[in-house]
Protein backbone atom coordinates (compact mmCIF):
# COMPACT_ATOMS: atom_id res chain seq x y z
CA MET A 1 -37.44 27.52 -100.86
CA LYS A 2 -35.79 29.73 -98.30
CA SER A 3 -35.44 27.05 -95.68
CA LEU A 4 -33.20 25.01 -98.00
CA MET A 5 -31.44 27.52 -100.24
CA ARG A 6 -30.28 31.09 -99.98
CA PRO A 7 -31.55 33.32 -102.79
CA TRP A 8 -28.34 33.77 -104.82
CA LYS A 9 -29.12 33.81 -108.53
CA ILE A 10 -27.03 32.71 -111.46
CA ARG A 11 -26.83 35.67 -113.80
CA VAL A 12 -27.68 34.59 -117.32
CA THR A 13 -26.66 36.95 -120.13
CA PRO A 14 -25.44 36.40 -123.71
CA LEU A 15 -22.07 34.59 -123.68
CA LEU A 16 -21.27 36.04 -120.28
CA THR A 17 -17.98 35.21 -118.61
CA SER A 18 -18.18 35.90 -114.88
CA HIS A 19 -14.96 36.87 -113.11
CA PHE A 20 -14.37 36.09 -109.46
CA ALA A 21 -10.97 36.99 -108.04
CA GLY A 22 -9.64 37.36 -111.56
CA ARG A 23 -10.55 33.83 -112.69
CA ASP A 24 -12.89 32.86 -115.52
CA VAL A 25 -15.54 30.73 -113.88
CA ILE A 26 -18.58 30.02 -116.01
CA ARG A 27 -20.07 30.73 -119.41
CA LEU A 28 -23.81 30.87 -119.88
CA PRO A 29 -25.90 31.24 -123.04
CA ARG A 30 -28.94 33.46 -123.37
CA GLU A 31 -31.55 32.78 -120.69
CA ASP A 32 -34.25 31.97 -123.26
CA ASP A 33 -32.04 29.21 -124.63
CA VAL A 34 -31.21 27.57 -121.30
CA THR A 35 -32.96 24.21 -120.80
CA LEU A 36 -33.93 22.90 -117.38
CA ALA A 37 -31.19 20.29 -117.75
CA GLU A 38 -28.61 23.04 -118.27
CA LYS A 39 -29.89 25.14 -115.37
CA THR A 40 -29.74 22.05 -113.18
CA ARG A 41 -26.19 21.33 -114.33
CA LEU A 42 -25.11 24.89 -113.55
CA ALA A 43 -26.75 24.64 -110.12
CA GLY A 44 -24.82 21.46 -109.25
CA VAL A 45 -27.90 19.34 -108.52
CA VAL A 46 -27.22 15.67 -107.77
CA GLY A 47 -29.18 12.77 -106.32
CA ALA A 48 -29.79 13.86 -102.72
CA GLY A 49 -30.95 10.45 -101.54
CA GLY A 50 -27.44 9.01 -101.43
CA GLY A 51 -26.80 8.03 -105.04
CA GLY A 52 -25.32 11.32 -106.17
CA PHE A 53 -25.95 10.90 -109.89
CA PRO A 54 -25.89 14.33 -111.61
CA THR A 55 -29.54 15.21 -112.17
CA HIS A 56 -29.11 17.10 -115.43
CA VAL A 57 -28.40 13.81 -117.24
CA LYS A 58 -31.83 12.44 -116.28
CA LEU A 59 -33.54 15.67 -117.35
CA ALA A 60 -32.14 15.28 -120.86
CA ALA A 61 -33.90 11.91 -121.30
CA LYS A 62 -37.43 11.07 -122.44
CA ALA A 63 -39.92 9.25 -120.22
CA ASP A 64 -43.66 8.94 -119.63
CA THR A 65 -43.53 8.80 -115.82
CA VAL A 66 -41.68 10.78 -113.13
CA ILE A 67 -41.45 9.33 -109.60
CA ALA A 68 -40.42 11.40 -106.58
CA ASN A 69 -38.77 8.90 -104.25
CA GLY A 70 -39.77 9.72 -100.68
CA ALA A 71 -39.72 6.14 -99.39
CA GLU A 72 -36.79 6.72 -97.02
CA CYS A 73 -36.49 3.15 -95.82
CA GLU A 74 -33.32 3.48 -93.69
CA PRO A 75 -34.27 2.97 -90.02
CA LEU A 76 -34.27 6.12 -87.81
CA LEU A 77 -33.86 8.63 -90.67
CA HIS A 78 -36.59 11.23 -91.34
CA LYS A 79 -35.04 13.62 -93.87
CA ASP A 80 -37.35 12.89 -96.81
CA ALA A 81 -40.47 13.08 -94.66
CA ALA A 82 -39.33 16.47 -93.33
CA VAL A 83 -38.70 17.74 -96.87
CA LEU A 84 -42.15 16.58 -97.98
CA GLU A 85 -43.88 18.00 -94.93
CA HIS A 86 -42.25 21.44 -95.07
CA MET A 87 -41.37 21.83 -98.77
CA ALA A 88 -44.14 19.91 -100.53
CA ALA A 89 -44.87 22.79 -102.91
CA GLN A 90 -41.23 22.91 -104.07
CA VAL A 91 -41.15 19.13 -104.55
CA VAL A 92 -44.36 19.18 -106.61
CA ALA A 93 -42.95 22.07 -108.65
CA GLY A 94 -39.80 20.03 -109.26
CA VAL A 95 -41.87 17.04 -110.37
CA GLN A 96 -43.85 19.18 -112.82
CA LEU A 97 -40.71 20.80 -114.22
CA THR A 98 -39.14 17.36 -114.66
CA MET A 99 -42.29 16.05 -116.34
CA GLU A 100 -42.18 18.93 -118.82
CA ALA A 101 -38.46 18.39 -119.49
CA VAL A 102 -38.75 14.65 -120.19
CA GLY A 103 -42.20 14.71 -121.81
CA ALA A 104 -43.96 12.72 -119.06
CA LYS A 105 -47.71 12.67 -118.55
CA VAL A 106 -47.64 11.01 -115.14
CA GLY A 107 -46.07 12.40 -111.96
CA VAL A 108 -46.04 10.47 -108.67
CA ILE A 109 -44.79 11.20 -105.16
CA ALA A 110 -44.08 7.88 -103.43
CA ILE A 111 -44.16 8.07 -99.66
CA LYS A 112 -44.83 5.71 -96.79
CA ALA A 113 -48.42 5.84 -95.56
CA LYS A 114 -47.25 6.14 -91.94
CA LYS A 115 -45.81 9.64 -92.58
CA ASP A 116 -49.17 11.29 -91.88
CA HIS A 117 -48.13 14.95 -91.87
CA ALA A 118 -45.99 14.60 -94.99
CA VAL A 119 -48.78 12.76 -96.82
CA GLU A 120 -51.26 15.50 -95.92
CA ALA A 121 -48.86 18.23 -97.11
CA CYS A 122 -48.18 16.38 -100.37
CA ARG A 123 -51.84 15.81 -101.15
CA ALA A 124 -52.55 19.50 -100.59
CA ALA A 125 -49.63 20.52 -102.82
CA CYS A 126 -50.71 18.08 -105.56
CA SER A 127 -54.25 19.46 -105.69
CA GLY A 128 -54.98 20.85 -109.14
CA THR A 129 -51.80 19.38 -110.66
CA PRO A 130 -51.13 16.22 -112.69
CA VAL A 131 -49.06 14.89 -109.79
CA ARG A 132 -50.51 12.29 -107.40
CA VAL A 133 -49.44 10.63 -104.15
CA HIS A 134 -48.70 6.90 -104.02
CA LEU A 135 -48.65 5.34 -100.54
CA LEU A 136 -46.08 2.69 -99.67
CA GLY A 137 -45.93 0.11 -96.92
CA ASP A 138 -43.47 0.35 -94.03
CA TYR A 139 -40.93 -2.20 -95.21
CA TYR A 140 -37.24 -2.30 -96.12
CA PRO A 141 -35.94 -1.46 -98.73
CA ALA A 142 -38.95 0.39 -100.18
CA GLY A 143 -36.68 3.02 -101.75
CA ASP A 144 -34.78 0.65 -104.03
CA GLU A 145 -35.43 1.90 -107.58
CA TYR A 146 -36.24 -1.56 -108.93
CA ASP A 147 -38.79 -2.16 -106.17
CA LEU A 148 -40.21 1.38 -106.33
CA VAL A 149 -40.71 1.40 -110.11
CA HIS A 150 -42.55 -1.92 -109.88
CA GLU A 151 -44.71 -0.75 -106.98
CA VAL A 152 -45.79 2.43 -108.77
CA THR A 153 -45.99 1.30 -112.41
CA ARG A 154 -45.94 -2.54 -112.25
CA ARG A 155 -43.05 -2.41 -114.72
CA LEU A 156 -39.86 -4.44 -114.21
CA ILE A 157 -36.54 -2.84 -115.03
CA PRO A 158 -34.37 -5.11 -117.22
CA PRO A 159 -31.63 -6.95 -115.29
CA GLY A 160 -28.68 -4.60 -114.89
CA GLY A 161 -30.77 -1.76 -116.31
CA ILE A 162 -32.02 1.60 -115.09
CA PRO A 163 -35.53 3.10 -114.77
CA ILE A 164 -35.35 5.11 -118.02
CA GLN A 165 -35.34 1.81 -119.92
CA VAL A 166 -38.98 1.33 -118.89
CA GLY A 167 -39.90 4.98 -119.43
CA VAL A 168 -39.46 6.18 -115.85
CA VAL A 169 -37.34 8.91 -114.24
CA VAL A 170 -36.80 8.52 -110.48
CA ASN A 171 -35.43 11.31 -108.31
CA ASN A 172 -35.24 11.79 -104.56
CA VAL A 173 -37.74 14.33 -103.20
CA GLU A 174 -35.01 16.72 -102.03
CA THR A 175 -33.41 16.47 -105.47
CA LEU A 176 -36.68 17.62 -107.01
CA ALA A 177 -36.91 20.55 -104.60
CA ASN A 178 -33.41 21.46 -105.75
CA VAL A 179 -34.54 21.20 -109.39
CA ALA A 180 -37.27 23.75 -108.66
CA ALA A 181 -34.66 26.03 -107.07
CA ALA A 182 -32.30 25.55 -110.02
CA ALA A 183 -35.06 26.68 -112.38
CA GLU A 184 -34.95 29.99 -110.48
CA GLY A 185 -31.16 30.19 -110.72
CA LYS A 186 -30.40 28.97 -107.19
CA PRO A 187 -27.50 26.51 -106.81
CA VAL A 188 -27.20 23.70 -104.27
CA THR A 189 -25.49 25.23 -101.24
CA HIS A 190 -27.32 23.55 -98.33
CA LYS A 191 -28.30 20.03 -97.31
CA VAL A 192 -31.12 18.56 -95.25
CA LEU A 193 -30.23 15.55 -93.08
CA THR A 194 -31.28 13.70 -89.93
CA ILE A 195 -29.08 13.32 -86.84
CA ALA A 196 -30.30 10.22 -84.96
CA GLY A 197 -29.24 7.41 -82.65
CA ALA A 198 -27.22 8.06 -79.53
CA VAL A 199 -27.75 11.83 -79.40
CA ARG A 200 -29.69 13.85 -76.83
CA ASN A 201 -32.17 15.44 -79.21
CA PRO A 202 -32.65 13.69 -82.56
CA VAL A 203 -33.26 16.35 -85.17
CA THR A 204 -33.45 17.04 -88.89
CA LEU A 205 -31.26 19.97 -89.90
CA THR A 206 -30.54 22.24 -92.83
CA VAL A 207 -26.78 22.81 -93.00
CA PRO A 208 -24.35 24.42 -95.44
CA VAL A 209 -22.66 21.78 -97.58
CA GLY A 210 -19.27 21.14 -95.96
CA THR A 211 -20.43 21.44 -92.34
CA THR A 212 -18.84 18.73 -90.20
CA PHE A 213 -20.87 15.98 -88.57
CA ARG A 214 -19.40 17.11 -85.24
CA GLU A 215 -21.19 20.46 -85.55
CA ALA A 216 -24.42 18.78 -86.64
CA ILE A 217 -24.26 16.35 -83.69
CA ASP A 218 -23.66 19.29 -81.33
CA ALA A 219 -26.84 20.85 -82.74
CA ALA A 220 -28.62 17.63 -81.73
CA GLY A 221 -27.50 18.13 -78.13
CA GLY A 222 -24.32 16.09 -78.51
CA ALA A 223 -23.68 12.36 -78.39
CA THR A 224 -24.81 10.32 -75.39
CA THR A 225 -21.85 7.95 -75.64
CA HIS A 226 -18.21 8.74 -74.88
CA ASP A 227 -16.94 6.88 -77.98
CA PRO A 228 -19.39 7.56 -80.80
CA VAL A 229 -19.20 5.93 -84.23
CA LEU A 230 -21.12 7.29 -87.20
CA THR A 231 -23.06 5.34 -89.79
CA VAL A 232 -23.24 8.04 -92.47
CA GLY A 233 -26.23 7.43 -94.72
CA GLY A 234 -27.92 4.98 -92.39
CA LEU A 235 -27.43 1.71 -90.55
CA MET A 236 -28.01 -0.57 -93.52
CA MET A 237 -26.22 1.01 -96.47
CA GLY A 238 -24.21 3.79 -94.83
CA GLU A 239 -20.47 4.15 -94.40
CA THR A 240 -19.02 3.71 -90.92
CA THR A 241 -16.48 6.15 -89.47
CA GLY A 242 -15.24 7.35 -86.12
CA ASP A 243 -14.18 10.70 -87.58
CA LEU A 244 -16.72 13.27 -86.39
CA ASP A 245 -15.02 15.94 -88.50
CA THR A 246 -16.11 14.24 -91.72
CA PRO A 247 -17.76 16.91 -93.90
CA ILE A 248 -21.42 16.71 -94.92
CA VAL A 249 -21.75 16.45 -98.70
CA LYS A 250 -24.62 16.84 -101.16
CA THR A 251 -25.56 13.16 -100.95
CA ALA A 252 -25.83 12.94 -97.15
CA THR A 253 -29.25 11.80 -95.95
CA GLY A 254 -28.39 11.55 -92.28
CA VAL A 255 -26.23 9.89 -89.70
CA VAL A 256 -27.01 7.37 -86.99
CA VAL A 257 -24.67 7.72 -84.01
CA LEU A 258 -24.00 4.55 -82.00
CA PRO A 259 -21.58 3.50 -79.25
CA ARG A 260 -18.47 1.76 -80.52
CA ASP A 261 -19.41 -1.37 -78.58
CA HIS A 262 -22.87 -1.60 -80.17
CA HIS A 263 -23.27 -4.94 -81.93
CA VAL A 264 -24.00 -3.42 -85.35
CA ILE A 265 -20.87 -1.25 -85.13
CA GLU A 266 -18.73 -4.17 -84.02
CA ARG A 267 -19.92 -6.12 -87.05
CA LYS A 268 -19.39 -3.24 -89.47
CA LEU A 269 -15.87 -2.57 -88.18
CA LYS A 270 -14.72 -6.18 -88.58
CA PRO A 271 -11.93 -6.27 -91.21
CA ALA A 272 -12.88 -7.63 -94.65
CA PRO A 273 -10.50 -10.63 -94.48
CA ALA A 274 -12.10 -11.71 -91.21
CA GLN A 275 -15.59 -11.31 -92.67
CA ALA A 276 -14.69 -13.50 -95.63
CA GLY A 277 -12.87 -16.03 -93.46
CA ILE A 278 -15.87 -16.55 -91.21
CA GLY A 279 -18.15 -17.24 -94.18
CA LYS A 280 -15.61 -19.47 -95.89
CA SER A 281 -15.23 -21.70 -92.87
CA ALA A 282 -18.78 -21.91 -91.55
CA CYS A 283 -21.50 -21.04 -94.11
CA ASP A 284 -23.87 -24.03 -94.26
CA GLN A 285 -25.83 -22.78 -97.32
CA CYS A 286 -29.13 -22.37 -95.47
CA ARG A 287 -30.29 -19.92 -98.22
CA TYR A 288 -31.95 -17.43 -95.84
CA CYS A 289 -29.85 -14.64 -97.36
CA THR A 290 -31.37 -15.42 -100.75
CA LYS A 291 -34.90 -16.09 -99.51
CA TYR A 292 -35.12 -12.58 -98.00
CA CYS A 293 -33.24 -10.77 -100.78
CA PRO A 294 -35.61 -8.08 -102.17
CA ARG A 295 -34.14 -8.30 -105.67
CA TYR A 296 -34.48 -12.12 -105.68
CA LEU A 297 -38.10 -11.80 -104.52
CA LEU A 298 -38.75 -9.33 -107.32
CA GLY A 299 -37.60 -12.00 -109.77
CA TYR A 300 -33.97 -11.10 -110.45
CA ALA A 301 -31.14 -13.63 -110.46
CA VAL A 302 -29.53 -12.55 -107.19
CA GLU A 303 -28.54 -15.43 -104.93
CA PRO A 304 -26.17 -14.39 -102.11
CA HIS A 305 -25.86 -17.96 -100.82
CA GLN A 306 -24.23 -18.93 -104.11
CA VAL A 307 -21.86 -15.98 -103.85
CA MET A 308 -20.89 -17.22 -100.39
CA ARG A 309 -19.72 -20.46 -102.02
CA SER A 310 -17.19 -18.49 -104.06
CA LEU A 311 -15.35 -17.61 -100.85
CA ALA A 312 -13.91 -21.13 -100.92
CA PHE A 313 -12.66 -20.84 -104.51
CA THR A 314 -9.34 -19.56 -105.77
CA ALA A 315 -9.80 -18.75 -109.45
CA THR A 316 -11.79 -21.62 -110.93
CA GLY A 317 -15.46 -20.79 -111.12
CA GLU A 318 -15.23 -17.24 -109.74
CA ASP A 319 -16.60 -15.65 -112.89
CA TYR A 320 -19.63 -17.97 -112.71
CA TRP A 321 -20.44 -17.52 -109.05
CA ASN A 322 -19.87 -13.77 -109.22
CA GLN A 323 -22.77 -13.54 -111.67
CA TRP A 324 -25.14 -14.18 -108.76
CA ALA A 325 -23.96 -10.91 -107.18
CA SER A 326 -24.26 -8.76 -110.31
CA LEU A 327 -27.77 -7.47 -109.63
CA CYS A 328 -27.37 -7.06 -105.84
CA CYS A 329 -28.45 -3.58 -104.64
CA SER A 330 -26.24 -3.77 -101.50
CA CYS A 331 -29.21 -3.14 -99.20
CA GLY A 332 -27.54 -5.17 -96.43
CA LEU A 333 -30.66 -7.12 -95.51
CA CYS A 334 -28.89 -10.47 -95.97
CA THR A 335 -26.03 -9.55 -93.63
CA LEU A 336 -27.87 -7.59 -90.93
CA TYR A 337 -31.23 -9.39 -90.87
CA ALA A 338 -31.52 -12.66 -92.76
CA CYS A 339 -28.39 -14.65 -91.92
CA PRO A 340 -28.99 -16.65 -88.70
CA GLU A 341 -25.23 -17.06 -88.17
CA GLU A 342 -24.36 -13.40 -88.77
CA PHE A 343 -22.14 -13.95 -91.78
CA TYR A 344 -21.48 -11.29 -94.41
CA PRO A 345 -23.20 -12.18 -97.70
CA LYS A 346 -23.71 -8.52 -98.67
CA GLU A 347 -20.00 -7.87 -98.32
CA ALA A 348 -19.26 -11.02 -100.33
CA CYS A 349 -21.54 -9.67 -103.07
CA ASP A 350 -19.78 -6.30 -102.94
CA ALA A 351 -16.40 -8.02 -103.35
CA SER A 352 -17.71 -10.15 -106.21
CA LYS A 353 -19.05 -7.11 -108.05
CA ALA A 354 -15.70 -5.39 -107.63
CA LYS A 355 -13.91 -8.42 -109.08
CA MET A 356 -16.28 -8.46 -112.03
CA ARG A 357 -15.60 -4.78 -112.73
CA GLN A 358 -11.85 -5.38 -112.57
CA ALA A 359 -12.15 -8.30 -114.98
CA GLY A 360 -14.50 -6.42 -117.31
CA LEU A 361 -17.25 -8.99 -116.79
CA LYS A 362 -20.86 -8.07 -117.54
CA TRP A 363 -24.17 -9.63 -116.55
CA THR A 364 -24.93 -12.58 -118.88
CA GLY A 365 -27.74 -14.25 -116.93
CA PRO A 366 -31.45 -14.58 -117.73
CA ALA A 367 -33.24 -11.52 -119.10
CA THR A 368 -36.73 -12.52 -118.00
CA VAL A 369 -38.02 -11.33 -114.63
CA LYS A 370 -41.01 -12.70 -112.71
CA PRO A 371 -41.80 -11.74 -109.10
CA HIS A 372 -41.61 -14.55 -106.56
CA PRO A 373 -45.02 -15.77 -105.25
CA MET A 374 -43.80 -15.28 -101.65
CA ARG A 375 -42.61 -11.71 -102.24
CA GLU A 376 -45.31 -9.97 -100.20
CA GLY A 377 -45.02 -12.39 -97.29
CA ARG A 378 -41.25 -12.08 -96.98
CA ARG A 379 -41.04 -8.30 -96.87
CA VAL A 380 -39.27 -7.05 -93.76
CA PRO A 381 -41.18 -4.48 -91.65
CA ILE A 382 -39.05 -1.60 -90.37
CA LYS A 383 -39.98 -2.33 -86.73
CA MET A 384 -38.80 -5.93 -87.11
CA LEU A 385 -35.59 -4.70 -88.68
CA MET A 386 -34.95 -2.20 -85.88
CA LYS A 387 -35.54 -4.92 -83.31
CA LYS A 388 -33.01 -7.17 -85.05
CA LEU A 389 -30.52 -4.27 -85.14
CA HIS A 390 -31.06 -3.51 -81.43
CA VAL A 391 -31.93 0.14 -82.09
CA LEU A 392 -35.57 0.34 -80.97
CA GLN A 393 -34.47 2.50 -78.03
CA TYR A 394 -33.36 5.14 -80.55
CA ASP A 395 -36.65 5.21 -82.46
CA HIS A 396 -37.68 8.82 -81.80
CA PRO A 397 -39.04 11.64 -83.97
CA ALA A 398 -36.43 13.96 -85.47
CA PRO A 399 -38.37 17.17 -86.21
CA LEU A 400 -37.04 19.71 -88.68
CA LYS A 401 -35.19 22.64 -87.15
CA LYS A 402 -36.05 25.43 -89.56
CA SER A 403 -33.10 27.72 -88.83
CA PRO A 404 -30.03 26.45 -90.70
CA LEU A 405 -26.71 25.96 -88.94
CA GLU A 406 -24.13 28.68 -89.51
CA PRO A 407 -20.67 27.16 -89.04
CA ARG A 408 -17.64 29.46 -89.17
CA GLN A 409 -16.00 27.34 -91.84
CA VAL A 410 -16.81 24.45 -94.16
CA ILE A 411 -14.75 21.66 -95.70
CA LEU A 412 -15.82 21.10 -99.31
CA PRO A 413 -14.65 17.87 -101.01
CA LEU A 414 -14.15 18.48 -104.72
CA LYS A 415 -15.94 15.22 -105.55
CA GLN A 416 -19.47 14.96 -104.16
CA SER A 417 -21.24 13.03 -106.89
CA ALA A 418 -20.88 10.30 -109.45
CA GLY A 419 -18.36 11.20 -112.12
CA VAL A 420 -15.21 13.30 -111.96
CA PRO A 421 -14.17 15.74 -109.22
CA ASN A 422 -14.29 19.51 -109.62
CA VAL A 423 -11.28 21.42 -110.87
CA PRO A 424 -10.84 24.36 -108.44
CA VAL A 425 -11.35 27.83 -109.92
CA VAL A 426 -10.42 29.65 -106.71
CA GLY A 427 -7.20 29.87 -104.73
CA ALA A 428 -6.17 30.47 -101.14
CA ASP A 429 -7.07 33.96 -99.84
CA ASP A 430 -9.70 34.53 -102.57
CA ARG A 431 -12.89 36.17 -101.34
CA VAL A 432 -16.08 34.62 -102.68
CA VAL A 433 -19.78 35.39 -102.57
CA MET A 434 -22.55 33.00 -101.62
CA GLY A 435 -23.45 30.65 -104.46
CA GLN A 436 -20.29 31.37 -106.43
CA PRO A 437 -18.88 28.37 -108.30
CA LEU A 438 -15.74 27.14 -106.54
CA GLY A 439 -14.96 24.45 -109.08
CA MET A 440 -15.84 23.39 -112.57
CA VAL A 441 -16.32 20.04 -114.27
CA PRO A 442 -14.41 19.49 -117.54
CA GLU A 443 -16.57 19.86 -120.63
CA LYS A 444 -18.56 16.72 -121.51
CA ALA A 445 -17.42 14.98 -118.31
CA LEU A 446 -19.93 13.61 -115.80
CA GLY A 447 -19.89 15.53 -112.53
CA ALA A 448 -21.50 18.36 -110.54
CA ILE A 449 -20.35 21.93 -110.00
CA LEU A 450 -19.51 22.95 -106.42
CA HIS A 451 -20.73 26.31 -105.05
CA ALA A 452 -19.90 28.43 -102.01
CA PRO A 453 -22.55 27.93 -99.30
CA PHE A 454 -21.85 31.40 -97.87
CA ALA A 455 -19.72 34.49 -98.46
CA GLY A 456 -16.21 34.17 -97.13
CA THR A 457 -12.52 33.65 -97.76
CA VAL A 458 -10.91 30.55 -99.18
CA THR A 459 -8.31 29.44 -96.65
CA SER A 460 -7.04 26.30 -98.39
CA VAL A 461 -7.22 24.53 -101.74
CA THR A 462 -5.79 21.00 -102.07
CA ARG A 463 -6.10 18.17 -104.58
CA ASP A 464 -9.34 16.96 -103.02
CA ARG A 465 -10.93 19.79 -101.02
CA ILE A 466 -11.53 23.50 -100.48
CA ILE A 467 -11.82 25.06 -97.03
CA LEU A 468 -13.93 28.20 -96.83
CA ALA A 469 -14.12 30.52 -93.81
CA ARG A 470 -17.22 32.67 -93.28
CA SER A 471 -16.94 36.44 -93.61
CA GLN A 472 -17.03 38.13 -90.20
């Protein structure tokens, strides 16, 4: 998997303690005793589709089905399709390794039918294996785990549950390529992502983890607007920032660059109190936010219009109305597509979920799930969504550039996954080799180990990041 990872190998010897710059870094048992879950933990593999959940936890479970999630439903992003087109063999290998680890008999690569080249590459790679390709429609949000599990298996995840509860493990396709690399002792040091939107040459790149978005945008020919704003992770569910020097982390799927005066950016940058105030004063309870909600249409008790009512409450009734937000997947469809008055039901649901967490409230609603009879008819095609978002002019291919970027330095946040941040095991002025662990996660804590993406010198270590300069 040379286009994604450099071939540094974790040395595995009996009770070995490696020493880098005089610091104890990692202990490994005998190679014959190392499970795939442990190799994946040591390689720092996390969900590469945006979720960032440490993959080794999933590999320690038991399931009958493994799904490679290549749906990639965010408009304008092409990272997963590029991975499947150019690294299909690694993805299939990762699926098979995962199947063996969890005891699954069924392996599926889920991909949109419109991705012709990726579908062809996947089918060729699956030939002679127990892995098959499942074609998806071009709708949003096809990559939601609840929707994807139902599409592939017809099973419905329990409300508030996770796929393993119905015997399924779901991983992003790039994650599975990283699992295959981890099995060979190669840690996660690089990331594949799409640079799209207001740039001269939309492109999908392989970059060292810690590269800044500024450098990635320059590799796409630069921005075509004088005041660019980034939607990191996509227009619908991504985070919005004007800081081009934000580092690229393991969970990055891509960035859509837009002018600051673009309507979507103006909406996203509106302060939370203003968003809530608009809904509180003017929401007429038309229910469109609920009628188009993909979780509601799948049969779950998610009703954003009821959450919008809670904006007018003080304390009485909040715990009740917040329940209608509990199972929201934050896809943003209600806010950016369904609401005819451009209110913010997704953000209201996010706030409600946060209040429930603070109060220690759990989901107590109905446990039965039955798909809505209008589910198929209310799905939102990607083209319709892009038209609503006013981004059709940016709908261009973003082919994979096979040569990775080589920045002179990288900024490495110590927390790049769910769980706890890394504890640094290097200091300023330490020289490191490519693939060397730069941090460690406390024993039994959830997290993912951080590795050096190239050989160089540590120039700074702070509470939240490490800066590494490339060797000259």
